Amino acid sequence: MIASLKGELAEIQIMPDVTAQITVDVQGVGYKVTVLKNSLDLIGKIGDTVSLKIYSYIRESVISLYGFSSGQERSFFESLLLANGVGPSLAMTVLSSGEMGDLISAIVNSDIDVLTKVPGIGKKTAQRLVIELSERLGKMENLTAIYTTKTSQIAALATGDHNYGTYSKEIALIGEALKSLGYGNDEIRNALFPLSQLSREELDASTPEDMLKMALRSLARR
């Protein structure tokens, strides 16, 4: 069972659906991984060192690897697979259709109208997602703020003691968001470094979402 991969991004192949197939070279061994097209900017470019959380999908004689930029995104994918009638292809379509926090909120709050806007999700499937996953995903709903552009929502994560006091308030809040995603203090400091190099004008022009994506991109390339 492969849980994560870190290596050189050797190849990118765009698929006709919502995904792309990338090859990650780990010490001379190439692993083909399915990722979301809309995650490619975050993952990196050919030649970059990338780090992915992996879900190994095993069915009879077939082993497929699915890659994600965070453990929470992988957990959401795994949760979707628990619903009756949802396979990897549909789960990736769901993930590609909007912000993860909004999708979790729609399931937890039984928002069928939002769910049926996802290609391949009809009313019955949407109802199954709500019935089978709402309790499980309710525990993840507090991550909604991380995937929005509202400063107040991200600010709500900045509670308790932290070690980011040397940074500006905006950057310290991104540190708290990363902490909520499960990253360690050393990883967070490395991710915050590019943000610390921004000018005051650049910080003022950046949304919390912009800064979070920059920090995650820095982590993905390590």
N, C-alpha and C. Protein backbone atom coordinates (compact mmCIF):
# COMPACT_ATOMS: atom_id res chain seq x y z
N MET A 1 0.85 -1.20 0.00
CA MET A 1 0.00 0.00 0.00
C MET A 1 0.88 1.25 0.00
N ILE A 2 0.73 2.10 -1.00
CA ILE A 2 1.52 3.32 -1.10
C ILE A 2 0.69 4.47 -0.52
N ALA A 3 1.24 5.16 0.48
CA ALA A 3 0.53 6.25 1.14
C ALA A 3 0.98 7.62 0.68
N SER A 4 2.22 7.73 0.20
CA SER A 4 2.74 9.01 -0.26
C SER A 4 3.88 8.77 -1.23
N LEU A 5 4.14 9.76 -2.06
CA LEU A 5 5.25 9.71 -3.00
C LEU A 5 5.95 11.06 -3.03
N LYS A 6 7.27 11.03 -3.07
CA LYS A 6 8.05 12.25 -3.24
C LYS A 6 9.14 11.96 -4.26
N GLY A 7 9.14 12.73 -5.32
CA GLY A 7 10.13 12.51 -6.37
C GLY A 7 10.02 13.58 -7.44
N GLU A 8 10.66 13.33 -8.57
CA GLU A 8 10.67 14.31 -9.66
C GLU A 8 9.46 14.10 -10.57
N LEU A 9 8.79 15.19 -10.88
CA LEU A 9 7.67 15.13 -11.82
C LEU A 9 8.24 14.97 -13.23
N ALA A 10 8.07 13.77 -13.80
CA ALA A 10 8.73 13.44 -15.06
C ALA A 10 7.84 13.60 -16.27
N GLU A 11 6.53 13.48 -16.09
CA GLU A 11 5.62 13.50 -17.24
C GLU A 11 4.23 13.93 -16.82
N ILE A 12 3.55 14.65 -17.70
CA ILE A 12 2.16 15.04 -17.48
C ILE A 12 1.35 14.69 -18.72
N GLN A 13 0.29 13.94 -18.55
CA GLN A 13 -0.59 13.59 -19.65
C GLN A 13 -2.01 14.01 -19.30
N ILE A 14 -2.56 14.93 -20.09
CA ILE A 14 -3.90 15.43 -19.85
C ILE A 14 -4.91 14.41 -20.37
N MET A 15 -5.86 14.05 -19.54
CA MET A 15 -6.88 13.08 -19.90
C MET A 15 -8.15 13.80 -20.36
N PRO A 16 -9.05 13.08 -21.06
CA PRO A 16 -10.26 13.73 -21.58
C PRO A 16 -11.30 14.07 -20.52
N ASP A 17 -11.14 13.54 -19.29
CA ASP A 17 -12.09 13.86 -18.23
C ASP A 17 -11.52 14.98 -17.36
N VAL A 18 -11.77 14.93 -16.06
CA VAL A 18 -11.32 16.00 -15.15
C VAL A 18 -9.92 15.74 -14.61
N THR A 19 -9.28 14.68 -15.07
CA THR A 19 -8.01 14.27 -14.48
C THR A 19 -6.82 14.43 -15.43
N ALA A 20 -5.65 14.27 -14.87
CA ALA A 20 -4.40 14.18 -15.62
C ALA A 20 -3.61 13.02 -15.05
N GLN A 21 -2.79 12.39 -15.87
CA GLN A 21 -1.92 11.31 -15.40
C GLN A 21 -0.51 11.85 -15.37
N ILE A 22 0.11 11.77 -14.21
CA ILE A 22 1.48 12.24 -14.09
C ILE A 22 2.38 11.06 -13.73
N THR A 23 3.64 11.18 -14.09
CA THR A 23 4.63 10.18 -13.71
C THR A 23 5.60 10.81 -12.73
N VAL A 24 5.70 10.19 -11.54
CA VAL A 24 6.62 10.67 -10.52
C VAL A 24 7.79 9.70 -10.45
N ASP A 25 8.98 10.22 -10.72
CA ASP A 25 10.20 9.41 -10.70
C ASP A 25 10.79 9.41 -9.29
N VAL A 26 10.73 8.24 -8.65
CA VAL A 26 11.27 8.10 -7.30
C VAL A 26 12.49 7.19 -7.37
N GLN A 27 13.67 7.79 -7.37
CA GLN A 27 14.93 7.04 -7.42
C GLN A 27 14.96 6.04 -8.58
N GLY A 28 14.55 6.54 -9.75
CA GLY A 28 14.62 5.73 -10.95
C GLY A 28 13.41 4.89 -11.25
N VAL A 29 12.43 4.85 -10.35
CA VAL A 29 11.19 4.10 -10.57
C VAL A 29 10.07 5.10 -10.84
N GLY A 30 9.40 4.93 -11.98
CA GLY A 30 8.32 5.85 -12.34
C GLY A 30 6.96 5.34 -11.87
N TYR A 31 6.26 6.17 -11.11
CA TYR A 31 4.92 5.83 -10.63
C TYR A 31 3.90 6.68 -11.38
N LYS A 32 2.93 6.03 -12.02
CA LYS A 32 1.88 6.76 -12.71
C LYS A 32 0.76 7.06 -11.72
N VAL A 33 0.43 8.34 -11.61
CA VAL A 33 -0.54 8.79 -10.60
C VAL A 33 -1.62 9.62 -11.28
N THR A 34 -2.86 9.37 -10.94
CA THR A 34 -3.98 10.16 -11.43
C THR A 34 -4.24 11.33 -10.49
N VAL A 35 -4.25 12.53 -11.04
CA VAL A 35 -4.50 13.73 -10.24
C VAL A 35 -5.57 14.56 -10.93
N LEU A 36 -6.07 15.56 -10.25
CA LEU A 36 -7.03 16.47 -10.85
C LEU A 36 -6.32 17.47 -11.76
N LYS A 37 -6.91 17.75 -12.89
CA LYS A 37 -6.33 18.76 -13.79
C LYS A 37 -6.16 20.09 -13.08
N ASN A 38 -7.19 20.46 -12.30
CA ASN A 38 -7.13 21.78 -11.67
C ASN A 38 -6.17 21.83 -10.48
N SER A 39 -5.46 20.72 -10.22
CA SER A 39 -4.44 20.70 -9.16
C SER A 39 -3.03 20.81 -9.74
N LEU A 40 -2.90 20.79 -11.07
CA LEU A 40 -1.58 20.74 -11.67
C LEU A 40 -0.72 21.96 -11.31
N ASP A 41 -1.33 23.14 -11.27
CA ASP A 41 -0.57 24.34 -10.91
C ASP A 41 -0.01 24.23 -9.50
N LEU A 42 -0.78 23.61 -8.63
CA LEU A 42 -0.35 23.44 -7.24
C LEU A 42 0.71 22.36 -7.12
N ILE A 43 0.58 21.31 -7.91
CA ILE A 43 1.51 20.19 -7.83
C ILE A 43 2.90 20.59 -8.32
N GLY A 44 2.98 21.27 -9.44
CA GLY A 44 4.28 21.70 -9.95
C GLY A 44 4.44 21.45 -11.44
N LYS A 45 5.65 21.70 -11.92
CA LYS A 45 5.96 21.55 -13.34
C LYS A 45 6.96 20.41 -13.53
N ILE A 46 7.07 19.97 -14.78
CA ILE A 46 8.00 18.89 -15.08
C ILE A 46 9.42 19.30 -14.63
N GLY A 47 10.06 18.39 -13.91
CA GLY A 47 11.39 18.67 -13.36
C GLY A 47 11.36 19.08 -11.91
N ASP A 48 10.19 19.48 -11.41
CA ASP A 48 10.07 19.87 -10.00
C ASP A 48 10.06 18.63 -9.11
N THR A 49 10.51 18.80 -7.87
CA THR A 49 10.34 17.76 -6.86
C THR A 49 8.95 17.94 -6.27
N VAL A 50 8.15 16.89 -6.34
CA VAL A 50 6.76 16.98 -5.87
C VAL A 50 6.53 15.98 -4.74
N SER A 51 5.57 16.30 -3.90
CA SER A 51 5.21 15.43 -2.79
C SER A 51 3.69 15.28 -2.79
N LEU A 52 3.21 14.04 -2.86
CA LEU A 52 1.78 13.79 -2.97
C LEU A 52 1.31 12.79 -1.92
N LYS A 53 0.11 13.02 -1.41
CA LYS A 53 -0.57 12.01 -0.61
C LYS A 53 -1.25 11.06 -1.60
N ILE A 54 -1.12 9.76 -1.37
CA ILE A 54 -1.56 8.77 -2.34
C ILE A 54 -2.68 7.89 -1.79
N TYR A 55 -3.68 7.65 -2.64
CA TYR A 55 -4.68 6.62 -2.34
C TYR A 55 -4.46 5.49 -3.34
N SER A 56 -4.22 4.29 -2.84
CA SER A 56 -4.01 3.11 -3.70
C SER A 56 -5.34 2.39 -3.89
N TYR A 57 -5.83 2.42 -5.11
CA TYR A 57 -7.11 1.77 -5.42
C TYR A 57 -6.81 0.40 -6.02
N ILE A 58 -7.21 -0.65 -5.31
CA ILE A 58 -6.89 -2.01 -5.72
C ILE A 58 -8.18 -2.75 -6.07
N ARG A 59 -8.25 -3.23 -7.29
CA ARG A 59 -9.43 -3.98 -7.73
C ARG A 59 -8.97 -5.15 -8.58
N GLU A 60 -9.13 -6.36 -8.07
CA GLU A 60 -8.67 -7.58 -8.73
C GLU A 60 -7.19 -7.45 -9.09
N SER A 61 -6.86 -7.42 -10.39
CA SER A 61 -5.45 -7.36 -10.79
C SER A 61 -4.99 -5.94 -11.12
N VAL A 62 -5.83 -4.95 -10.85
CA VAL A 62 -5.53 -3.56 -11.20
C VAL A 62 -5.19 -2.75 -9.95
N ILE A 63 -4.09 -2.04 -9.99
CA ILE A 63 -3.73 -1.11 -8.93
C ILE A 63 -3.58 0.28 -9.54
N SER A 64 -4.38 1.21 -9.09
CA SER A 64 -4.33 2.59 -9.58
C SER A 64 -3.98 3.51 -8.43
N LEU A 65 -3.12 4.48 -8.70
CA LEU A 65 -2.71 5.45 -7.69
C LEU A 65 -3.38 6.80 -7.96
N TYR A 66 -3.96 7.38 -6.93
CA TYR A 66 -4.58 8.70 -7.02
C TYR A 66 -3.83 9.64 -6.09
N GLY A 67 -3.44 10.81 -6.61
CA GLY A 67 -2.60 11.72 -5.84
C GLY A 67 -3.31 12.99 -5.43
N PHE A 68 -2.99 13.47 -4.23
CA PHE A 68 -3.63 14.66 -3.67
C PHE A 68 -2.60 15.53 -2.97
N SER A 69 -2.87 16.82 -2.93
CA SER A 69 -1.91 17.76 -2.35
C SER A 69 -1.98 17.82 -0.83
N SER A 70 -3.04 17.27 -0.24
CA SER A 70 -3.16 17.27 1.22
C SER A 70 -3.83 16.00 1.70
N GLY A 71 -3.58 15.66 2.95
CA GLY A 71 -4.21 14.50 3.54
C GLY A 71 -5.71 14.65 3.65
N GLN A 72 -6.20 15.89 3.86
CA GLN A 72 -7.62 16.13 3.98
C GLN A 72 -8.34 15.89 2.65
N GLU A 73 -7.70 16.29 1.54
CA GLU A 73 -8.29 16.06 0.23
C GLU A 73 -8.38 14.54 -0.03
N ARG A 74 -7.33 13.82 0.33
CA ARG A 74 -7.36 12.36 0.18
C ARG A 74 -8.46 11.75 1.06
N SER A 75 -8.61 12.24 2.27
CA SER A 75 -9.64 11.71 3.17
C SER A 75 -11.03 11.93 2.60
N PHE A 76 -11.25 13.09 1.98
CA PHE A 76 -12.55 13.36 1.37
C PHE A 76 -12.80 12.40 0.22
N PHE A 77 -11.78 12.16 -0.60
CA PHE A 77 -11.87 11.21 -1.70
C PHE A 77 -12.22 9.82 -1.17
N GLU A 78 -11.54 9.40 -0.12
CA GLU A 78 -11.81 8.09 0.48
C GLU A 78 -13.24 8.01 1.02
N SER A 79 -13.70 9.10 1.60
CA SER A 79 -15.07 9.13 2.13
C SER A 79 -16.08 8.97 1.00
N LEU A 80 -15.85 9.66 -0.11
CA LEU A 80 -16.77 9.56 -1.24
C LEU A 80 -16.87 8.12 -1.75
N LEU A 81 -15.75 7.40 -1.72
CA LEU A 81 -15.75 6.01 -2.21
C LEU A 81 -16.59 5.09 -1.32
N LEU A 82 -16.86 5.52 -0.10
CA LEU A 82 -17.67 4.70 0.80
C LEU A 82 -19.15 4.73 0.43
N ALA A 83 -19.55 5.73 -0.35
CA ALA A 83 -20.95 5.84 -0.74
C ALA A 83 -21.28 4.82 -1.83
N ASN A 84 -22.42 4.21 -1.72
CA ASN A 84 -22.86 3.22 -2.68
C ASN A 84 -22.94 3.82 -4.09
N GLY A 85 -22.27 3.17 -5.05
CA GLY A 85 -22.33 3.62 -6.43
C GLY A 85 -21.32 4.67 -6.82
N VAL A 86 -20.44 5.04 -5.90
CA VAL A 86 -19.42 6.05 -6.20
C VAL A 86 -18.06 5.37 -6.34
N GLY A 87 -17.48 5.44 -7.55
CA GLY A 87 -16.16 4.91 -7.80
C GLY A 87 -15.15 6.04 -7.92
N PRO A 88 -13.89 5.71 -8.18
CA PRO A 88 -12.85 6.75 -8.27
C PRO A 88 -13.13 7.84 -9.30
N SER A 89 -13.66 7.45 -10.46
CA SER A 89 -13.91 8.44 -11.51
C SER A 89 -14.93 9.48 -11.06
N LEU A 90 -16.03 9.03 -10.48
CA LEU A 90 -17.05 9.96 -10.01
C LEU A 90 -16.55 10.76 -8.82
N ALA A 91 -15.77 10.12 -7.94
CA ALA A 91 -15.22 10.84 -6.79
C ALA A 91 -14.31 11.97 -7.25
N MET A 92 -13.49 11.73 -8.28
CA MET A 92 -12.62 12.79 -8.80
C MET A 92 -13.44 13.90 -9.45
N THR A 93 -14.54 13.53 -10.11
CA THR A 93 -15.43 14.54 -10.70
C THR A 93 -16.02 15.43 -9.62
N VAL A 94 -16.43 14.82 -8.51
CA VAL A 94 -16.97 15.60 -7.39
C VAL A 94 -15.90 16.56 -6.87
N LEU A 95 -14.70 16.06 -6.66
CA LEU A 95 -13.62 16.90 -6.13
C LEU A 95 -13.30 18.07 -7.05
N SER A 96 -13.44 17.85 -8.35
CA SER A 96 -13.07 18.89 -9.31
C SER A 96 -14.15 19.95 -9.47
N SER A 97 -15.33 19.69 -8.90
CA SER A 97 -16.48 20.55 -9.20
C SER A 97 -16.59 21.79 -8.31
N GLY A 98 -15.76 21.89 -7.30
CA GLY A 98 -15.83 23.06 -6.43
C GLY A 98 -14.85 22.98 -5.29
N GLU A 99 -14.90 23.97 -4.40
CA GLU A 99 -14.03 23.96 -3.23
C GLU A 99 -14.43 22.82 -2.30
N MET A 100 -13.45 22.13 -1.74
CA MET A 100 -13.74 20.97 -0.90
C MET A 100 -14.65 21.34 0.26
N GLY A 101 -14.39 22.46 0.90
CA GLY A 101 -15.20 22.86 2.04
C GLY A 101 -16.66 23.06 1.67
N ASP A 102 -16.90 23.64 0.48
CA ASP A 102 -18.29 23.86 0.03
C ASP A 102 -18.99 22.53 -0.23
N LEU A 103 -18.25 21.57 -0.81
CA LEU A 103 -18.83 20.27 -1.10
C LEU A 103 -19.17 19.51 0.18
N ILE A 104 -18.25 19.57 1.14
CA ILE A 104 -18.51 18.93 2.44
C ILE A 104 -19.73 19.56 3.10
N SER A 105 -19.81 20.87 3.05
CA SER A 105 -20.93 21.59 3.66
C SER A 105 -22.25 21.19 2.99
N ALA A 106 -22.23 21.02 1.66
CA ALA A 106 -23.45 20.63 0.94
C ALA A 106 -23.93 19.26 1.38
N ILE A 107 -22.99 18.33 1.59
CA ILE A 107 -23.36 16.98 2.03
C ILE A 107 -23.87 17.01 3.47
N VAL A 108 -23.15 17.69 4.33
CA VAL A 108 -23.52 17.74 5.75
C VAL A 108 -24.88 18.42 5.95
N ASN A 109 -25.14 19.44 5.13
CA ASN A 109 -26.38 20.22 5.28
C ASN A 109 -27.49 19.79 4.33
N SER A 110 -27.31 18.63 3.69
CA SER A 110 -28.34 18.04 2.81
C SER A 110 -28.77 18.98 1.69
N ASP A 111 -27.78 19.67 1.12
CA ASP A 111 -28.07 20.60 0.02
C ASP A 111 -28.05 19.84 -1.30
N ILE A 112 -29.16 19.21 -1.61
CA ILE A 112 -29.27 18.36 -2.80
C ILE A 112 -29.08 19.18 -4.08
N ASP A 113 -29.57 20.41 -4.10
CA ASP A 113 -29.47 21.24 -5.30
C ASP A 113 -28.01 21.48 -5.69
N VAL A 114 -27.16 21.71 -4.71
CA VAL A 114 -25.73 21.92 -4.99
C VAL A 114 -25.11 20.64 -5.51
N LEU A 115 -25.42 19.53 -4.89
CA LEU A 115 -24.81 18.26 -5.25
C LEU A 115 -25.21 17.81 -6.65
N THR A 116 -26.45 18.05 -7.04
CA THR A 116 -26.90 17.60 -8.36
C THR A 116 -26.34 18.45 -9.50
N LYS A 117 -25.65 19.52 -9.18
CA LYS A 117 -24.98 20.30 -10.22
C LYS A 117 -23.67 19.64 -10.66
N VAL A 118 -23.21 18.67 -9.87
CA VAL A 118 -21.99 17.94 -10.22
C VAL A 118 -22.31 16.96 -11.34
N PRO A 119 -21.55 16.99 -12.45
CA PRO A 119 -21.80 16.03 -13.54
C PRO A 119 -21.76 14.59 -13.04
N GLY A 120 -22.81 13.83 -13.38
CA GLY A 120 -22.84 12.44 -12.97
C GLY A 120 -23.55 12.20 -11.66
N ILE A 121 -23.93 13.27 -10.96
CA ILE A 121 -24.64 13.13 -9.68
C ILE A 121 -26.11 13.48 -9.90
N GLY A 122 -26.95 12.46 -9.86
CA GLY A 122 -28.38 12.68 -9.93
C GLY A 122 -28.96 12.82 -8.54
N LYS A 123 -30.27 12.98 -8.47
CA LYS A 123 -30.91 13.21 -7.18
C LYS A 123 -30.73 12.02 -6.24
N LYS A 124 -30.85 10.79 -6.76
CA LYS A 124 -30.73 9.61 -5.91
C LYS A 124 -29.30 9.47 -5.36
N THR A 125 -28.31 9.72 -6.23
CA THR A 125 -26.93 9.64 -5.76
C THR A 125 -26.65 10.71 -4.72
N ALA A 126 -27.17 11.92 -4.96
CA ALA A 126 -26.99 13.01 -4.01
C ALA A 126 -27.59 12.64 -2.66
N GLN A 127 -28.76 12.03 -2.68
CA GLN A 127 -29.40 11.63 -1.43
C GLN A 127 -28.58 10.56 -0.71
N ARG A 128 -27.98 9.64 -1.48
CA ARG A 128 -27.14 8.62 -0.87
C ARG A 128 -25.92 9.24 -0.21
N LEU A 129 -25.32 10.23 -0.88
CA LEU A 129 -24.16 10.90 -0.30
C LEU A 129 -24.52 11.53 1.04
N VAL A 130 -25.68 12.16 1.09
CA VAL A 130 -26.12 12.80 2.33
C VAL A 130 -26.37 11.77 3.42
N ILE A 131 -27.10 10.71 3.08
CA ILE A 131 -27.48 9.70 4.07
C ILE A 131 -26.25 8.95 4.59
N GLU A 132 -25.34 8.59 3.66
CA GLU A 132 -24.24 7.71 4.03
C GLU A 132 -23.00 8.45 4.54
N LEU A 133 -22.86 9.74 4.19
CA LEU A 133 -21.60 10.42 4.51
C LEU A 133 -21.73 11.63 5.42
N SER A 134 -22.95 12.12 5.66
CA SER A 134 -23.09 13.39 6.38
C SER A 134 -22.46 13.34 7.77
N GLU A 135 -22.66 12.25 8.48
CA GLU A 135 -22.10 12.17 9.84
C GLU A 135 -20.58 12.12 9.80
N ARG A 136 -20.05 11.31 8.89
CA ARG A 136 -18.59 11.18 8.78
C ARG A 136 -17.96 12.51 8.38
N LEU A 137 -18.57 13.18 7.41
CA LEU A 137 -17.98 14.42 6.90
C LEU A 137 -18.22 15.60 7.82
N GLY A 138 -19.18 15.46 8.72
CA GLY A 138 -19.42 16.54 9.67
C GLY A 138 -18.18 16.85 10.49
N LYS A 139 -17.34 15.83 10.71
CA LYS A 139 -16.12 16.02 11.46
C LYS A 139 -15.07 16.82 10.67
N MET A 140 -15.25 16.88 9.35
CA MET A 140 -14.29 17.60 8.52
C MET A 140 -14.77 19.01 8.18
N GLU A 141 -16.00 19.33 8.54
CA GLU A 141 -16.60 20.58 8.07
C GLU A 141 -15.86 21.82 8.56
N ASN A 142 -15.14 21.71 9.68
CA ASN A 142 -14.41 22.87 10.19
C ASN A 142 -13.28 23.28 9.25
N LEU A 143 -12.95 22.47 8.24
CA LEU A 143 -11.91 22.83 7.28
C LEU A 143 -12.44 23.75 6.19
N THR A 144 -13.76 24.00 6.19
CA THR A 144 -14.35 24.84 5.14
C THR A 144 -13.63 26.17 5.01
N ALA A 145 -13.28 26.78 6.14
CA ALA A 145 -12.66 28.10 6.10
C ALA A 145 -11.35 28.11 5.35
N ILE A 146 -10.62 27.00 5.35
CA ILE A 146 -9.32 26.95 4.70
C ILE A 146 -9.45 27.12 3.19
N TYR A 147 -10.60 26.74 2.63
CA TYR A 147 -10.76 26.73 1.18
C TYR A 147 -11.62 27.88 0.69
N THR A 148 -11.71 28.96 1.46
CA THR A 148 -12.46 30.13 1.02
C THR A 148 -11.53 31.34 1.00
N THR A 149 -12.05 32.44 0.45
CA THR A 149 -11.25 33.66 0.37
C THR A 149 -11.60 34.64 1.48
N LYS A 150 -12.43 34.23 2.43
CA LYS A 150 -12.87 35.15 3.47
C LYS A 150 -11.85 35.20 4.60
N THR A 151 -11.27 36.34 4.82
CA THR A 151 -10.26 36.49 5.86
C THR A 151 -10.81 36.11 7.23
N SER A 152 -12.05 36.48 7.50
CA SER A 152 -12.61 36.21 8.82
C SER A 152 -12.70 34.71 9.08
N GLN A 153 -12.96 33.92 8.03
CA GLN A 153 -13.07 32.48 8.23
C GLN A 153 -11.71 31.88 8.53
N ILE A 154 -10.68 32.32 7.80
CA ILE A 154 -9.34 31.81 8.07
C ILE A 154 -8.86 32.31 9.43
N ALA A 155 -9.23 33.53 9.78
CA ALA A 155 -8.82 34.08 11.07
C ALA A 155 -9.37 33.24 12.22
N ALA A 156 -10.51 32.61 12.00
CA ALA A 156 -11.10 31.79 13.05
C ALA A 156 -10.23 30.60 13.41
N LEU A 157 -9.31 30.24 12.51
CA LEU A 157 -8.40 29.13 12.79
C LEU A 157 -7.27 29.55 13.73
N ALA A 158 -7.03 30.83 13.84
CA ALA A 158 -5.88 31.32 14.61
C ALA A 158 -6.21 31.40 16.09
N THR A 159 -6.35 30.25 16.72
CA THR A 159 -6.64 30.20 18.14
C THR A 159 -5.53 29.45 18.85
N GLY A 160 -5.32 29.77 20.11
CA GLY A 160 -4.30 29.07 20.89
C GLY A 160 -2.91 29.58 20.59
N ASP A 161 -1.90 28.93 21.20
CA ASP A 161 -0.51 29.33 21.02
C ASP A 161 0.03 28.82 19.71
N HIS A 162 0.89 29.59 19.09
CA HIS A 162 1.57 29.13 17.88
C HIS A 162 2.97 29.73 17.85
N ASN A 163 3.76 29.28 16.89
CA ASN A 163 5.15 29.71 16.80
C ASN A 163 5.40 30.61 15.60
N TYR A 164 4.39 31.36 15.18
CA TYR A 164 4.52 32.16 13.97
C TYR A 164 4.48 33.66 14.28
N GLY A 165 4.83 34.00 15.52
CA GLY A 165 4.72 35.39 15.94
C GLY A 165 5.67 36.33 15.23
N THR A 166 6.74 35.81 14.62
CA THR A 166 7.68 36.68 13.92
C THR A 166 7.15 37.14 12.57
N TYR A 167 6.04 36.55 12.13
CA TYR A 167 5.46 36.92 10.85
C TYR A 167 4.34 37.94 11.05
N SER A 168 3.93 38.54 9.94
CA SER A 168 2.79 39.46 10.00
C SER A 168 1.54 38.66 10.33
N LYS A 169 0.48 39.38 10.71
CA LYS A 169 -0.77 38.71 11.09
C LYS A 169 -1.30 37.85 9.95
N GLU A 170 -1.24 38.38 8.71
CA GLU A 170 -1.77 37.64 7.58
C GLU A 170 -1.05 36.32 7.37
N ILE A 171 0.28 36.36 7.47
CA ILE A 171 1.08 35.16 7.25
C ILE A 171 0.91 34.19 8.41
N ALA A 172 0.81 34.70 9.64
CA ALA A 172 0.61 33.84 10.80
C ALA A 172 -0.69 33.06 10.68
N LEU A 173 -1.72 33.69 10.11
CA LEU A 173 -3.00 33.01 9.93
C LEU A 173 -2.88 31.86 8.94
N ILE A 174 -2.06 32.05 7.92
CA ILE A 174 -1.83 30.97 6.96
C ILE A 174 -1.10 29.82 7.66
N GLY A 175 -0.20 30.15 8.56
CA GLY A 175 0.47 29.13 9.35
C GLY A 175 -0.53 28.30 10.15
N GLU A 176 -1.52 28.97 10.74
CA GLU A 176 -2.54 28.25 11.50
C GLU A 176 -3.38 27.38 10.59
N ALA A 177 -3.67 27.86 9.38
CA ALA A 177 -4.44 27.06 8.43
C ALA A 177 -3.67 25.80 8.06
N LEU A 178 -2.37 25.94 7.82
CA LEU A 178 -1.53 24.77 7.49
C LEU A 178 -1.48 23.80 8.65
N LYS A 179 -1.43 24.34 9.87
CA LYS A 179 -1.42 23.48 11.05
C LYS A 179 -2.69 22.66 11.11
N SER A 180 -3.83 23.27 10.76
CA SER A 180 -5.10 22.57 10.75
C SER A 180 -5.14 21.48 9.68
N LEU A 181 -4.33 21.65 8.64
CA LEU A 181 -4.25 20.65 7.58
C LEU A 181 -3.33 19.49 7.95
N GLY A 182 -2.67 19.59 9.10
CA GLY A 182 -1.86 18.48 9.57
C GLY A 182 -0.36 18.62 9.34
N TYR A 183 0.11 19.77 8.85
CA TYR A 183 1.54 19.94 8.62
C TYR A 183 2.26 20.25 9.93
N GLY A 184 3.53 19.81 10.01
CA GLY A 184 4.34 20.06 11.19
C GLY A 184 4.95 21.45 11.17
N ASN A 185 5.51 21.87 12.31
CA ASN A 185 6.05 23.23 12.43
C ASN A 185 7.19 23.50 11.44
N ASP A 186 8.08 22.53 11.23
CA ASP A 186 9.19 22.74 10.29
C ASP A 186 8.66 22.93 8.87
N GLU A 187 7.67 22.10 8.49
CA GLU A 187 7.08 22.23 7.16
C GLU A 187 6.40 23.58 7.01
N ILE A 188 5.72 24.01 8.06
CA ILE A 188 5.00 25.28 8.00
C ILE A 188 5.97 26.45 7.85
N ARG A 189 7.06 26.44 8.61
CA ARG A 189 8.03 27.54 8.49
C ARG A 189 8.62 27.59 7.08
N ASN A 190 8.90 26.42 6.50
CA ASN A 190 9.40 26.39 5.12
C ASN A 190 8.37 26.95 4.14
N ALA A 191 7.10 26.60 4.37
CA ALA A 191 6.04 27.07 3.48
C ALA A 191 5.79 28.56 3.62
N LEU A 192 6.00 29.10 4.83
CA LEU A 192 5.75 30.53 5.05
C LEU A 192 6.88 31.42 4.55
N PHE A 193 8.06 30.83 4.33
CA PHE A 193 9.20 31.65 3.92
C PHE A 193 8.92 32.45 2.64
N PRO A 194 8.38 31.83 1.55
CA PRO A 194 8.11 32.64 0.35
C PRO A 194 7.14 33.79 0.62
N LEU A 195 6.20 33.58 1.54
CA LEU A 195 5.25 34.65 1.87
C LEU A 195 5.96 35.78 2.60
N SER A 196 6.95 35.42 3.42
CA SER A 196 7.66 36.45 4.18
C SER A 196 8.50 37.36 3.27
N GLN A 197 8.73 36.92 2.02
CA GLN A 197 9.51 37.72 1.08
C GLN A 197 8.65 38.69 0.29
N LEU A 198 7.33 38.60 0.47
CA LEU A 198 6.43 39.51 -0.26
C LEU A 198 6.48 40.90 0.36
N SER A 199 6.33 41.90 -0.48
CA SER A 199 6.27 43.28 0.00
C SER A 199 4.91 43.54 0.63
N ARG A 200 4.80 44.63 1.36
CA ARG A 200 3.53 44.99 1.97
C ARG A 200 2.46 45.19 0.89
N GLU A 201 2.85 45.76 -0.24
CA GLU A 201 1.90 45.96 -1.34
C GLU A 201 1.40 44.63 -1.88
N GLU A 202 2.33 43.66 -2.02
CA GLU A 202 1.94 42.35 -2.53
C GLU A 202 1.04 41.62 -1.54
N LEU A 203 1.32 41.74 -0.25
CA LEU A 203 0.47 41.13 0.76
C LEU A 203 -0.93 41.73 0.74
N ASP A 204 -1.01 43.03 0.62
CA ASP A 204 -2.31 43.70 0.60
C ASP A 204 -3.13 43.29 -0.62
N ALA A 205 -2.43 42.98 -1.71
CA ALA A 205 -3.12 42.62 -2.95
C ALA A 205 -3.48 41.13 -3.00
N SER A 206 -3.02 40.34 -2.03
CA SER A 206 -3.24 38.90 -2.04
C SER A 206 -4.38 38.52 -1.11
N THR A 207 -5.25 37.65 -1.58
CA THR A 207 -6.31 37.11 -0.71
C THR A 207 -5.71 36.00 0.15
N PRO A 208 -6.36 35.65 1.25
CA PRO A 208 -5.89 34.50 2.02
C PRO A 208 -5.77 33.24 1.18
N GLU A 209 -6.71 33.05 0.24
CA GLU A 209 -6.65 31.87 -0.63
C GLU A 209 -5.38 31.90 -1.48
N ASP A 210 -5.02 33.08 -2.02
CA ASP A 210 -3.79 33.22 -2.81
C ASP A 210 -2.58 32.80 -1.99
N MET A 211 -2.51 33.29 -0.75
CA MET A 211 -1.35 33.00 0.09
C MET A 211 -1.31 31.52 0.49
N LEU A 212 -2.48 30.94 0.77
CA LEU A 212 -2.51 29.53 1.13
C LEU A 212 -2.05 28.67 -0.04
N LYS A 213 -2.48 29.00 -1.25
CA LYS A 213 -2.06 28.24 -2.42
C LYS A 213 -0.56 28.37 -2.64
N MET A 214 -0.02 29.56 -2.41
CA MET A 214 1.42 29.75 -2.56
C MET A 214 2.18 28.90 -1.56
N ALA A 215 1.69 28.86 -0.33
CA ALA A 215 2.35 28.06 0.70
C ALA A 215 2.28 26.57 0.37
N LEU A 216 1.11 26.11 -0.06
CA LEU A 216 0.95 24.69 -0.42
C LEU A 216 1.79 24.33 -1.63
N ARG A 217 1.92 25.24 -2.57
CA ARG A 217 2.75 24.98 -3.76
C ARG A 217 4.22 24.82 -3.35
N SER A 218 4.64 25.64 -2.39
CA SER A 218 6.01 25.53 -1.90
C SER A 218 6.24 24.18 -1.24
N LEU A 219 5.26 23.69 -0.48
CA LEU A 219 5.37 22.39 0.17
C LEU A 219 5.39 21.26 -0.85
N ALA A 220 4.57 21.38 -1.89
CA ALA A 220 4.46 20.32 -2.89
C ALA A 220 5.76 20.14 -3.67
N ARG A 221 6.56 21.19 -3.74
CA ARG A 221 7.79 21.12 -4.54
C ARG A 221 8.99 20.65 -3.74
N ARG A 222 8.77 20.41 -2.45
CA ARG A 222 9.90 19.98 -1.61
C ARG A 222 10.04 18.45 -1.64
